Every structure is written in structure tokens, then in C-alpha cells.
PDB file of N, CA and C in Angstrom:
ATOM      1  N   MET A   1       7.543  -0.875  14.014  1.00  0.00           N
ATOM      2  CA  MET A   1       6.211  -0.510  13.602  1.00  0.00           C
ATOM      3  C   MET A   1       6.255  -0.082  12.140  1.00  0.00           C
ATOM      4  N   ILE A   2       5.182  -0.352  11.429  1.00  0.00           N
ATOM      5  CA  ILE A   2       5.048   0.161  10.069  1.00  0.00           C
ATOM      6  C   ILE A   2       3.889   1.157  10.053  1.00  0.00           C
ATOM      7  N   ARG A   3       4.028   2.147   9.191  1.00  0.00           N
ATOM      8  CA  ARG A   3       2.999   3.171   9.027  1.00  0.00           C
ATOM      9  C   ARG A   3       2.768   3.331   7.534  1.00  0.00           C
ATOM     10  N   VAL A   4       1.527   3.093   7.095  1.00  0.00           N
ATOM     11  CA  VAL A   4       1.182   3.194   5.679  1.00  0.00           C
ATOM     12  C   VAL A   4       0.190   4.337   5.509  1.00  0.00           C
ATOM     13  N   SER A   5       0.513   5.284   4.641  1.00  0.00           N
ATOM     14  CA  SER A   5      -0.407   6.392   4.367  1.00  0.00           C
ATOM     15  C   SER A   5      -0.868   6.304   2.921  1.00  0.00           C
ATOM     16  N   ARG A   6      -2.109   6.687   2.719  1.00  0.00           N
ATOM     17  CA  ARG A   6      -2.692   6.654   1.379  1.00  0.00           C
ATOM     18  C   ARG A   6      -2.911   8.071   0.891  1.00  0.00           C
ATOM     19  N   GLN A   7      -2.414   8.349  -0.293  1.00  0.00           N
ATOM     20  CA  GLN A   7      -2.601   9.671  -0.878  1.00  0.00           C
ATOM     21  C   GLN A   7      -4.075   9.918  -1.141  1.00  0.00           C
ATOM     22  N   SER A   8      -4.520  11.108  -0.858  1.00  0.00           N
ATOM     23  CA  SER A   8      -5.902  11.485  -1.118  1.00  0.00           C
ATOM     24  C   SER A   8      -6.060  11.834  -2.590  1.00  0.00           C
ATOM     25  N   ARG A   9      -7.068  11.280  -3.203  1.00  0.00           N
ATOM     26  CA  ARG A   9      -7.319  11.509  -4.635  1.00  0.00           C
ATOM     27  C   ARG A   9      -8.692  12.139  -4.818  1.00  0.00           C
ATOM     28  N   ARG A  10      -8.848  12.862  -5.910  1.00  0.00           N
ATOM     29  CA  ARG A  10     -10.133  13.491  -6.206  1.00  0.00           C
ATOM     30  C   ARG A  10     -10.897  12.725  -7.279  1.00  0.00           C
ATOM     31  N   TYR A  11     -10.419  11.575  -7.673  1.00  0.00           N
ATOM     32  CA  TYR A  11     -11.054  10.879  -8.780  1.00  0.00           C
ATOM     33  C   TYR A  11     -11.153   9.393  -8.470  1.00  0.00           C
ATOM     34  N   PHE A  12     -10.889   8.570  -9.420  1.00  0.00           N
ATOM     35  CA  PHE A  12     -11.062   7.124  -9.346  1.00  0.00           C
ATOM     36  C   PHE A  12     -10.588   6.532  -8.018  1.00  0.00           C
ATOM     37  N   ASP A  13     -11.303   5.618  -7.460  1.00  0.00           N
ATOM     38  CA  ASP A  13     -10.996   4.882  -6.226  1.00  0.00           C
ATOM     39  C   ASP A  13     -11.160   5.695  -4.950  1.00  0.00           C
ATOM     40  N   LYS A  14     -11.625   6.896  -5.006  1.00  0.00           N
ATOM     41  CA  LYS A  14     -11.758   7.721  -3.804  1.00  0.00           C
ATOM     42  C   LYS A  14     -12.646   7.050  -2.756  1.00  0.00           C
ATOM     43  N   LEU A  15     -13.692   6.379  -3.171  1.00  0.00           N
ATOM     44  CA  LEU A  15     -14.635   5.768  -2.234  1.00  0.00           C
ATOM     45  C   LEU A  15     -14.305   4.320  -1.899  1.00  0.00           C
ATOM     46  N   ARG A  16     -13.253   3.786  -2.472  1.00  0.00           N
ATOM     47  CA  ARG A  16     -12.890   2.386  -2.237  1.00  0.00           C
ATOM     48  C   ARG A  16     -11.800   2.275  -1.185  1.00  0.00           C
ATOM     49  N   GLN A  17     -11.818   1.175  -0.449  1.00  0.00           N
ATOM     50  CA  GLN A  17     -10.763   0.944   0.534  1.00  0.00           C
ATOM     51  C   GLN A  17      -9.724  -0.008  -0.047  1.00  0.00           C
ATOM     52  N   TYR A  18      -8.458   0.263   0.277  1.00  0.00           N
ATOM     53  CA  TYR A  18      -7.345  -0.581  -0.155  1.00  0.00           C
ATOM     54  C   TYR A  18      -6.999  -1.530   0.984  1.00  0.00           C
ATOM     55  N   ASN A  19      -6.785  -2.803   0.666  1.00  0.00           N
ATOM     56  CA  ASN A  19      -6.380  -3.797   1.653  1.00  0.00           C
ATOM     57  C   ASN A  19      -4.861  -3.793   1.791  1.00  0.00           C
ATOM     58  N   ILE A  20      -4.379  -3.928   3.011  1.00  0.00           N
ATOM     59  CA  ILE A  20      -2.948  -3.998   3.280  1.00  0.00           C
ATOM     60  C   ILE A  20      -2.608  -5.452   3.537  1.00  0.00           C
ATOM     61  N   VAL A  21      -1.725  -6.007   2.718  1.00  0.00           N
ATOM     62  CA  VAL A  21      -1.365  -7.424   2.794  1.00  0.00           C
ATOM     63  C   VAL A  21       0.099  -7.520   3.234  1.00  0.00           C
ATOM     64  N   LEU A  22       0.310  -8.107   4.414  1.00  0.00           N
ATOM     65  CA  LEU A  22       1.650  -8.288   4.963  1.00  0.00           C
ATOM     66  C   LEU A  22       1.947  -9.772   5.014  1.00  0.00           C
ATOM     67  N   ASP A  23       2.981 -10.203   4.335  1.00  0.00           N
ATOM     68  CA  ASP A  23       3.365 -11.623   4.282  1.00  0.00           C
ATOM     69  C   ASP A  23       2.212 -12.522   3.834  1.00  0.00           C
ATOM     70  N   GLY A  24       1.417 -12.022   2.892  1.00  0.00           N
ATOM     71  CA  GLY A  24       0.319 -12.797   2.333  1.00  0.00           C
ATOM     72  C   GLY A  24      -0.956 -12.791   3.148  1.00  0.00           C
ATOM     73  N   ILE A  25      -0.999 -12.042   4.244  1.00  0.00           N
ATOM     74  CA  ILE A  25      -2.173 -11.996   5.121  1.00  0.00           C
ATOM     75  C   ILE A  25      -2.717 -10.568   5.157  1.00  0.00           C
ATOM     76  N   ASN A  26      -4.021 -10.430   4.975  1.00  0.00           N
ATOM     77  CA  ASN A  26      -4.663  -9.124   5.025  1.00  0.00           C
ATOM     78  C   ASN A  26      -4.684  -8.647   6.483  1.00  0.00           C
ATOM     79  N   ILE A  27      -4.000  -7.532   6.776  1.00  0.00           N
ATOM     80  CA  ILE A  27      -3.899  -7.055   8.158  1.00  0.00           C
ATOM     81  C   ILE A  27      -4.742  -5.806   8.417  1.00  0.00           C
ATOM     82  N   GLY A  28      -5.354  -5.254   7.393  1.00  0.00           N
ATOM     83  CA  GLY A  28      -6.172  -4.058   7.580  1.00  0.00           C
ATOM     84  C   GLY A  28      -6.488  -3.398   6.262  1.00  0.00           C
ATOM     85  N   TYR A  29      -7.051  -2.205   6.346  1.00  0.00           N
ATOM     86  CA  TYR A  29      -7.410  -1.487   5.127  1.00  0.00           C
ATOM     87  C   TYR A  29      -7.216   0.009   5.318  1.00  0.00           C
ATOM     88  N   LEU A  30      -7.150   0.701   4.200  1.00  0.00           N
ATOM     89  CA  LEU A  30      -6.981   2.155   4.164  1.00  0.00           C
ATOM     90  C   LEU A  30      -8.059   2.775   3.300  1.00  0.00           C
ATOM     91  N   ARG A  31      -8.676   3.802   3.805  1.00  0.00           N
ATOM     92  CA  ARG A  31      -9.579   4.611   2.999  1.00  0.00           C
ATOM     93  C   ARG A  31      -8.801   5.831   2.502  1.00  0.00           C
ATOM     94  N   ASP A  32      -9.393   6.599   1.628  1.00  0.00           N
ATOM     95  CA  ASP A  32      -8.753   7.763   1.025  1.00  0.00           C
ATOM     96  C   ASP A  32      -8.230   8.718   2.097  1.00  0.00           C
ATOM     97  N   GLY A  33      -6.927   9.025   2.056  1.00  0.00           N
ATOM     98  CA  GLY A  33      -6.312   9.973   2.963  1.00  0.00           C
ATOM     99  C   GLY A  33      -5.984   9.451   4.356  1.00  0.00           C
ATOM    100  N   GLU A  34      -6.223   8.177   4.644  1.00  0.00           N
ATOM    101  CA  GLU A  34      -5.987   7.632   5.978  1.00  0.00           C
ATOM    102  C   GLU A  34      -4.547   7.174   6.179  1.00  0.00           C
ATOM    103  N   ILE A  35      -4.201   6.919   7.458  1.00  0.00           N
ATOM    104  CA  ILE A  35      -2.911   6.354   7.851  1.00  0.00           C
ATOM    105  C   ILE A  35      -3.180   5.108   8.683  1.00  0.00           C
ATOM    106  N   PHE A  36      -2.471   4.026   8.385  1.00  0.00           N
ATOM    107  CA  PHE A  36      -2.631   2.753   9.086  1.00  0.00           C
ATOM    108  C   PHE A  36      -1.322   2.400   9.773  1.00  0.00           C
ATOM    109  N   GLU A  37      -1.390   1.992  11.036  1.00  0.00           N
ATOM    110  CA  GLU A  37      -0.197   1.589  11.775  1.00  0.00           C
ATOM    111  C   GLU A  37      -0.345   0.150  12.249  1.00  0.00           C
ATOM    112  N   TYR A  38       0.774  -0.562  12.248  1.00  0.00           N
ATOM    113  CA  TYR A  38       0.778  -1.980  12.635  1.00  0.00           C
ATOM    114  C   TYR A  38       2.162  -2.318  13.168  1.00  0.00           C
ATOM    115  N   ARG A  39       2.210  -3.192  14.155  1.00  0.00           N
ATOM    116  CA  ARG A  39       3.489  -3.585  14.745  1.00  0.00           C
ATOM    117  C   ARG A  39       3.769  -5.056  14.397  1.00  0.00           C
ATOM    118  N   PRO A  40       4.526  -5.305  13.322  1.00  0.00           N
ATOM    119  CA  PRO A  40       4.882  -6.689  12.972  1.00  0.00           C
ATOM    120  C   PRO A  40       6.040  -7.187  13.831  1.00  0.00           C
ATOM    121  N   THR A  41       6.325  -8.453  13.740  1.00  0.00           N
ATOM    122  CA  THR A  41       7.464  -9.024  14.456  1.00  0.00           C
ATOM    123  C   THR A  41       8.770  -8.529  13.833  1.00  0.00           C
ATOM    124  N   VAL A  42       9.828  -8.581  14.600  1.00  0.00           N
ATOM    125  CA  VAL A  42      11.152  -8.209  14.100  1.00  0.00           C
ATOM    126  C   VAL A  42      11.571  -9.231  13.050  1.00  0.00           C
ATOM    127  N   GLY A  43      12.142  -8.757  11.955  1.00  0.00           N
ATOM    128  CA  GLY A  43      12.607  -9.654  10.898  1.00  0.00           C
ATOM    129  C   GLY A  43      12.215  -9.158   9.522  1.00  0.00           C
ATOM    130  N   PHE A  44      12.325 -10.041   8.541  1.00  0.00           N
ATOM    131  CA  PHE A  44      12.026  -9.707   7.148  1.00  0.00           C
ATOM    132  C   PHE A  44      10.549  -9.914   6.852  1.00  0.00           C
ATOM    133  N   HIS A  45       9.984  -8.999   6.079  1.00  0.00           N
ATOM    134  CA  HIS A  45       8.571  -9.054   5.698  1.00  0.00           C
ATOM    135  C   HIS A  45       8.415  -8.548   4.274  1.00  0.00           C
ATOM    136  N   ASN A  46       7.212  -8.794   3.709  1.00  0.00           N
ATOM    137  CA  ASN A  46       6.868  -8.168   2.437  1.00  0.00           C
ATOM    138  C   ASN A  46       5.469  -7.588   2.558  1.00  0.00           C
ATOM    139  N   ILE A  47       5.239  -6.517   1.813  1.00  0.00           N
ATOM    140  CA  ILE A  47       3.972  -5.790   1.894  1.00  0.00           C
ATOM    141  C   ILE A  47       3.505  -5.435   0.496  1.00  0.00           C
ATOM    142  N   ARG A  48       2.191  -5.435   0.324  1.00  0.00           N
ATOM    143  CA  ARG A  48       1.586  -4.967  -0.923  1.00  0.00           C
ATOM    144  C   ARG A  48       0.187  -4.463  -0.613  1.00  0.00           C
ATOM    145  N   ILE A  49      -0.427  -3.788  -1.550  1.00  0.00           N
ATOM    146  CA  ILE A  49      -1.757  -3.211  -1.410  1.00  0.00           C
ATOM    147  C   ILE A  49      -2.646  -3.846  -2.470  1.00  0.00           C
ATOM    148  N   THR A  50      -3.890  -4.176  -2.109  1.00  0.00           N
ATOM    149  CA  THR A  50      -4.816  -4.758  -3.084  1.00  0.00           C
ATOM    150  C   THR A  50      -6.179  -4.072  -3.001  1.00  0.00           C
ATOM    151  N   VAL A  51      -6.911  -4.184  -4.081  1.00  0.00           N
ATOM    152  CA  VAL A  51      -8.311  -3.788  -4.143  1.00  0.00           C
ATOM    153  C   VAL A  51      -8.943  -4.716  -5.172  1.00  0.00           C
ATOM    154  N   ASP A  52      -9.989  -5.433  -4.752  1.00  0.00           N
ATOM    155  CA  ASP A  52     -10.598  -6.461  -5.588  1.00  0.00           C
ATOM    156  C   ASP A  52      -9.515  -7.442  -6.051  1.00  0.00           C
ATOM    157  N   TRP A  53      -9.401  -7.705  -7.338  1.00  0.00           N
ATOM    158  CA  TRP A  53      -8.390  -8.642  -7.840  1.00  0.00           C
ATOM    159  C   TRP A  53      -7.110  -7.927  -8.276  1.00  0.00           C
ATOM    160  N   CYS A  54      -7.088  -6.629  -8.175  1.00  0.00           N
ATOM    161  CA  CYS A  54      -5.924  -5.848  -8.591  1.00  0.00           C
ATOM    162  C   CYS A  54      -5.040  -5.517  -7.398  1.00  0.00           C
ATOM    163  N   GLY A  55      -3.792  -5.166  -7.671  1.00  0.00           N
ATOM    164  CA  GLY A  55      -2.890  -4.864  -6.570  1.00  0.00           C
ATOM    165  C   GLY A  55      -1.715  -4.011  -6.991  1.00  0.00           C
ATOM    166  N   SER A  56      -0.735  -3.998  -6.101  1.00  0.00           N
ATOM    167  CA  SER A  56       0.462  -3.180  -6.286  1.00  0.00           C
ATOM    168  C   SER A  56       1.687  -4.067  -6.419  1.00  0.00           C
ATOM    169  N   ASN A  57       2.810  -3.417  -6.551  1.00  0.00           N
ATOM    170  CA  ASN A  57       4.101  -4.091  -6.462  1.00  0.00           C
ATOM    171  C   ASN A  57       4.259  -4.633  -5.037  1.00  0.00           C
ATOM    172  N   THR A  58       5.187  -5.568  -4.847  1.00  0.00           N
ATOM    173  CA  THR A  58       5.485  -6.115  -3.525  1.00  0.00           C
ATOM    174  C   THR A  58       6.831  -5.567  -3.067  1.00  0.00           C
ATOM    175  N   LEU A  59       6.861  -5.050  -1.853  1.00  0.00           N
ATOM    176  CA  LEU A  59       8.097  -4.530  -1.278  1.00  0.00           C
ATOM    177  C   LEU A  59       8.580  -5.444  -0.166  1.00  0.00           C
ATOM    178  N   CYS A  60       9.872  -5.720  -0.139  1.00  0.00           N
ATOM    179  CA  CYS A  60      10.488  -6.489   0.944  1.00  0.00           C
ATOM    180  C   CYS A  60      11.225  -5.508   1.847  1.00  0.00           C
ATOM    181  N   PHE A  61      11.134  -5.729   3.168  1.00  0.00           N
ATOM    182  CA  PHE A  61      11.780  -4.836   4.115  1.00  0.00           C
ATOM    183  C   PHE A  61      12.104  -5.599   5.391  1.00  0.00           C
ATOM    184  N   GLU A  62      12.943  -5.003   6.223  1.00  0.00           N
ATOM    185  CA  GLU A  62      13.333  -5.615   7.487  1.00  0.00           C
ATOM    186  C   GLU A  62      12.932  -4.705   8.637  1.00  0.00           C
ATOM    187  N   VAL A  63      12.330  -5.287   9.666  1.00  0.00           N
ATOM    188  CA  VAL A  63      11.900  -4.546  10.843  1.00  0.00           C
ATOM    189  C   VAL A  63      12.895  -4.788  11.973  1.00  0.00           C
ATOM    190  N   HIS A  64      13.325  -3.695  12.620  1.00  0.00           N
ATOM    191  CA  HIS A  64      14.195  -3.751  13.795  1.00  0.00           C
ATOM    192  C   HIS A  64      13.436  -3.185  14.985  1.00  0.00           C
ATOM    193  N   ASP A  65      13.924  -3.467  16.194  1.00  0.00           N
ATOM    194  CA  ASP A  65      13.321  -2.885  17.400  1.00  0.00           C
ATOM    195  C   ASP A  65      13.403  -1.370  17.361  1.00  0.00           C
ATOM    196  N   ASN A  66      12.399  -0.716  17.936  1.00  0.00           N
ATOM    197  CA  ASN A  66      12.372   0.750  18.074  1.00  0.00           C
ATOM    198  C   ASN A  66      12.549   1.476  16.746  1.00  0.00           C
ATOM    199  N   GLU A  67      11.885   0.999  15.715  1.00  0.00           N
ATOM    200  CA  GLU A  67      12.012   1.581  14.387  1.00  0.00           C
ATOM    201  C   GLU A  67      10.628   1.749  13.781  1.00  0.00           C
ATOM    202  N   ILE A  68      10.419   2.851  13.104  1.00  0.00           N
ATOM    203  CA  ILE A  68       9.171   3.079  12.374  1.00  0.00           C
ATOM    204  C   ILE A  68       9.511   3.125  10.894  1.00  0.00           C
ATOM    205  N   ILE A  69       8.884   2.254  10.122  1.00  0.00           N
ATOM    206  CA  ILE A  69       9.089   2.212   8.673  1.00  0.00           C
ATOM    207  C   ILE A  69       7.832   2.785   8.032  1.00  0.00           C
ATOM    208  N   GLU A  70       8.012   3.837   7.254  1.00  0.00           N
ATOM    209  CA  GLU A  70       6.867   4.525   6.658  1.00  0.00           C
ATOM    210  C   GLU A  70       6.758   4.211   5.172  1.00  0.00           C
ATOM    211  N   PHE A  71       5.505   4.002   4.748  1.00  0.00           N
ATOM    212  CA  PHE A  71       5.182   3.706   3.359  1.00  0.00           C
ATOM    213  C   PHE A  71       4.102   4.667   2.887  1.00  0.00           C
ATOM    214  N   GLU A  72       4.066   4.924   1.592  1.00  0.00           N
ATOM    215  CA  GLU A  72       2.978   5.643   0.946  1.00  0.00           C
ATOM    216  C   GLU A  72       2.407   4.732  -0.128  1.00  0.00           C
ATOM    217  N   CYS A  73       1.099   4.867  -0.370  1.00  0.00           N
ATOM    218  CA  CYS A  73       0.484   4.078  -1.438  1.00  0.00           C
ATOM    219  C   CYS A  73      -0.565   4.924  -2.142  1.00  0.00           C
ATOM    220  N   GLY A  74      -0.988   4.441  -3.290  1.00  0.00           N
ATOM    221  CA  GLY A  74      -2.006   5.134  -4.059  1.00  0.00           C
ATOM    222  C   GLY A  74      -2.332   4.380  -5.327  1.00  0.00           C
ATOM    223  N   GLY A  75      -3.188   4.981  -6.126  1.00  0.00           N
ATOM    224  CA  GLY A  75      -3.601   4.378  -7.385  1.00  0.00           C
ATOM    225  C   GLY A  75      -3.044   5.134  -8.572  1.00  0.00           C
ATOM    226  N   LEU A  76      -2.933   4.459  -9.687  1.00  0.00           N
ATOM    227  CA  LEU A  76      -2.361   5.054 -10.890  1.00  0.00           C
ATOM    228  C   LEU A  76      -3.394   5.637 -11.843  1.00  0.00           C
ATOM    229  N   LEU A  77      -4.653   5.311 -11.666  1.00  0.00           N
ATOM    230  CA  LEU A  77      -5.622   5.650 -12.697  1.00  0.00           C
ATOM    231  C   LEU A  77      -6.025   7.111 -12.769  1.00  0.00           C
ATOM    232  N   GLY A  78      -5.629   7.920 -11.847  1.00  0.00           N
ATOM    233  CA  GLY A  78      -6.030   9.319 -11.859  1.00  0.00           C
ATOM    234  C   GLY A  78      -5.739  10.016 -13.168  1.00  0.00           C
ATOM    235  N   TYR A  79      -4.576   9.793 -13.702  1.00  0.00           N
ATOM    236  CA  TYR A  79      -4.213  10.462 -14.945  1.00  0.00           C
ATOM    237  C   TYR A  79      -4.125   9.492 -16.116  1.00  0.00           C
ATOM    238  N   LYS A  80      -4.524   8.246 -15.912  1.00  0.00           N
ATOM    239  CA  LYS A  80      -4.466   7.243 -16.977  1.00  0.00           C
ATOM    240  C   LYS A  80      -5.815   6.553 -17.140  1.00  0.00           C
ATOM    241  N   MET A  81      -6.896   7.303 -17.019  1.00  0.00           N
ATOM    242  CA  MET A  81      -8.234   6.720 -17.091  1.00  0.00           C
ATOM    243  C   MET A  81      -8.469   5.951 -18.385  1.00  0.00           C
ATOM    244  N   PHE A  82      -7.857   6.371 -19.458  1.00  0.00           N
ATOM    245  CA  PHE A  82      -8.057   5.689 -20.735  1.00  0.00           C
ATOM    246  C   PHE A  82      -7.446   4.287 -20.740  1.00  0.00           C
ATOM    247  N   LEU A  83      -6.605   3.960 -19.740  1.00  0.00           N
ATOM    248  CA  LEU A  83      -5.979   2.637 -19.658  1.00  0.00           C
ATOM    249  C   LEU A  83      -6.695   1.694 -18.686  1.00  0.00           C
ATOM    250  N   VAL A  84      -7.877   2.065 -18.219  1.00  0.00           N
ATOM    251  CA  VAL A  84      -8.560   1.289 -17.183  1.00  0.00           C
ATOM    252  C   VAL A  84      -8.728  -0.181 -17.580  1.00  0.00           C
ATOM    253  N   TYR A  85      -9.068  -0.472 -18.809  1.00  0.00           N
ATOM    254  CA  TYR A  85      -9.275  -1.866 -19.221  1.00  0.00           C
ATOM    255  C   TYR A  85      -7.967  -2.647 -19.256  1.00  0.00           C
ATOM    256  N   TRP A  86      -6.884  -1.993 -19.613  1.00  0.00           N
ATOM    257  CA  TRP A  86      -5.581  -2.669 -19.569  1.00  0.00           C
ATOM    258  C   TRP A  86      -5.212  -3.013 -18.130  1.00  0.00           C
ATOM    259  N   TYR A  87      -5.408  -2.063 -17.196  1.00  0.00           N
ATOM    260  CA  TYR A  87      -5.054  -2.291 -15.798  1.00  0.00           C
ATOM    261  C   TYR A  87      -5.873  -3.414 -15.163  1.00  0.00           C
ATOM    262  N   ILE A  88      -7.148  -3.534 -15.476  1.00  0.00           N
ATOM    263  CA  ILE A  88      -7.962  -4.560 -14.820  1.00  0.00           C
ATOM    264  C   ILE A  88      -7.862  -5.925 -15.496  1.00  0.00           C
ATOM    265  N   THR A  89      -7.149  -6.005 -16.616  1.00  0.00           N
ATOM    266  CA  THR A  89      -6.958  -7.306 -17.260  1.00  0.00           C
ATOM    267  C   THR A  89      -5.493  -7.732 -17.224  1.00  0.00           C
ATOM    268  N   PHE A  90      -4.638  -7.036 -17.922  1.00  0.00           N
ATOM    269  CA  PHE A  90      -3.230  -7.436 -18.029  1.00  0.00           C
ATOM    270  C   PHE A  90      -2.338  -6.796 -16.959  1.00  0.00           C
ATOM    271  N   GLY A  91      -2.642  -5.567 -16.569  1.00  0.00           N
ATOM    272  CA  GLY A  91      -1.793  -4.844 -15.628  1.00  0.00           C
ATOM    273  C   GLY A  91      -2.340  -4.820 -14.213  1.00  0.00           C
ATOM    274  N   PHE A  92      -3.040  -5.887 -13.818  1.00  0.00           N
ATOM    275  CA  PHE A  92      -3.712  -5.879 -12.511  1.00  0.00           C
ATOM    276  C   PHE A  92      -2.754  -5.776 -11.326  1.00  0.00           C
ATOM    277  N   ASN A  93      -1.474  -6.141 -11.480  1.00  0.00           N
ATOM    278  CA  ASN A  93      -0.500  -5.968 -10.395  1.00  0.00           C
ATOM    279  C   ASN A  93       0.234  -4.635 -10.477  1.00  0.00           C
ATOM    280  N   LYS A  94      -0.241  -3.754 -11.356  1.00  0.00           N
ATOM    281  CA  LYS A  94       0.312  -2.405 -11.474  1.00  0.00           C
ATOM    282  C   LYS A  94      -0.780  -1.357 -11.302  1.00  0.00           C
ATOM    283  N   TYR A  95      -1.955  -1.790 -10.904  1.00  0.00           N
ATOM    284  CA  TYR A  95      -3.101  -0.894 -10.728  1.00  0.00           C
ATOM    285  C   TYR A  95      -2.867   0.072  -9.569  1.00  0.00           C
ATOM    286  N   LEU A  96      -2.200  -0.400  -8.512  1.00  0.00           N
ATOM    287  CA  LEU A  96      -1.855   0.407  -7.343  1.00  0.00           C
ATOM    288  C   LEU A  96      -0.342   0.456  -7.206  1.00  0.00           C
ATOM    289  N   TRP A  97       0.156   1.317  -6.315  1.00  0.00           N
ATOM    290  CA  TRP A  97       1.590   1.387  -6.045  1.00  0.00           C
ATOM    291  C   TRP A  97       1.813   1.572  -4.553  1.00  0.00           C
ATOM    292  N   ILE A  98       2.973   1.122  -4.104  1.00  0.00           N
ATOM    293  CA  ILE A  98       3.418   1.339  -2.729  1.00  0.00           C
ATOM    294  C   ILE A  98       4.917   1.569  -2.766  1.00  0.00           C
ATOM    295  N   LYS A  99       5.387   2.495  -1.925  1.00  0.00           N
ATOM    296  CA  LYS A  99       6.821   2.754  -1.839  1.00  0.00           C
ATOM    297  C   LYS A  99       7.187   3.072  -0.392  1.00  0.00           C
ATOM    298  N   GLN A 100       8.403   2.708  -0.033  1.00  0.00           N
ATOM    299  CA  GLN A 100       8.913   3.023   1.292  1.00  0.00           C
ATOM    300  C   GLN A 100       9.448   4.445   1.259  1.00  0.00           C
ATOM    301  N   THR A 101       9.034   5.250   2.224  1.00  0.00           N
ATOM    302  CA  THR A 101       9.433   6.653   2.211  1.00  0.00           C
ATOM    303  C   THR A 101      10.462   7.008   3.266  1.00  0.00           C
ATOM    304  N   ARG A 102      10.410   6.326   4.415  1.00  0.00           N
ATOM    305  CA  ARG A 102      11.302   6.736   5.482  1.00  0.00           C
ATOM    306  C   ARG A 102      11.435   5.643   6.534  1.00  0.00           C
ATOM    307  N   VAL A 103      12.601   5.575   7.163  1.00  0.00           N
ATOM    308  CA  VAL A 103      12.829   4.720   8.319  1.00  0.00           C
ATOM    309  C   VAL A 103      13.369   5.629   9.410  1.00  0.00           C
ATOM    310  N   ARG A 104      12.764   5.573  10.584  1.00  0.00           N
ATOM    311  CA  ARG A 104      13.262   6.406  11.680  1.00  0.00           C
ATOM    312  C   ARG A 104      13.122   5.685  12.999  1.00  0.00           C
ATOM    313  N   GLN A 105      13.838   6.122  13.967  1.00  0.00           N
ATOM    314  CA  GLN A 105      13.793   5.540  15.299  1.00  0.00           C
ATOM    315  C   GLN A 105      12.573   6.058  16.046  1.00  0.00           C
ATOM    316  N   SER A 106      11.886   5.153  16.763  1.00  0.00           N
ATOM    317  CA  SER A 106      10.750   5.586  17.576  1.00  0.00           C
ATOM    318  C   SER A 106      11.256   6.045  18.927  1.00  0.00           C
ATOM    319  N   LEU A 107      10.444   6.794  19.609  1.00  0.00           N
ATOM    320  CA  LEU A 107      10.846   7.334  20.912  1.00  0.00           C
ATOM    321  C   LEU A 107      10.589   6.366  22.035  1.00  0.00           C
TER     322      LEU A 107
END
């Protein structure tokens, strides 16, 4: 199982939902402060987060039986508002971020 949590922000993107893209397919979305869970097949996968035409880095990971892989995601513009035009034109794949935080065995 994968679990993706979105950091709660007090500024930019608070009212927007982020799309969760697994292996190139949109599998769901996250609103501010939410947690999304999904059970992919065992094997290698890649994940990224998008909003409109902008997105995040792509992470590759492997899923095993009885394992929970946890991710966190969020946006960068909170403290870089002056760079908004750069992010939506040249840095559109750096507008958001995602990172793997933990792998643990499920019960």
C-alpha cells in the first residue's frame, strides 16, 4: 500500500487539489492537509504530483507484500512567491515536490 500525505499550507495552493499520478495514470487527488491511500500491484512503480500543467519530481519505488510506503508532498511557492512566473513557465516540473518518508510493514 502507498500512503501520500499533503502538508497543510496557509498560502498559495491551499484551495487547489493535487493530482496523484502513478505510472502515468491519475489515481486520485489530495486537498490541503489530506492523506490518500492506494494499493498498487507488487513491483516497480513511479509516482508524481501534478496541478494544472505543473508538477513535481518523479520518484521510483518498489512495492512488496504487507508493506506500507509513505510519501509527503507539497508546494514550493509559500516562501518563493516572487518566483511564480518562473515556476509556471520554465520550472513547471519543480512547482511541487514529493518525497518518500518511510517504509514499514503492515499488520
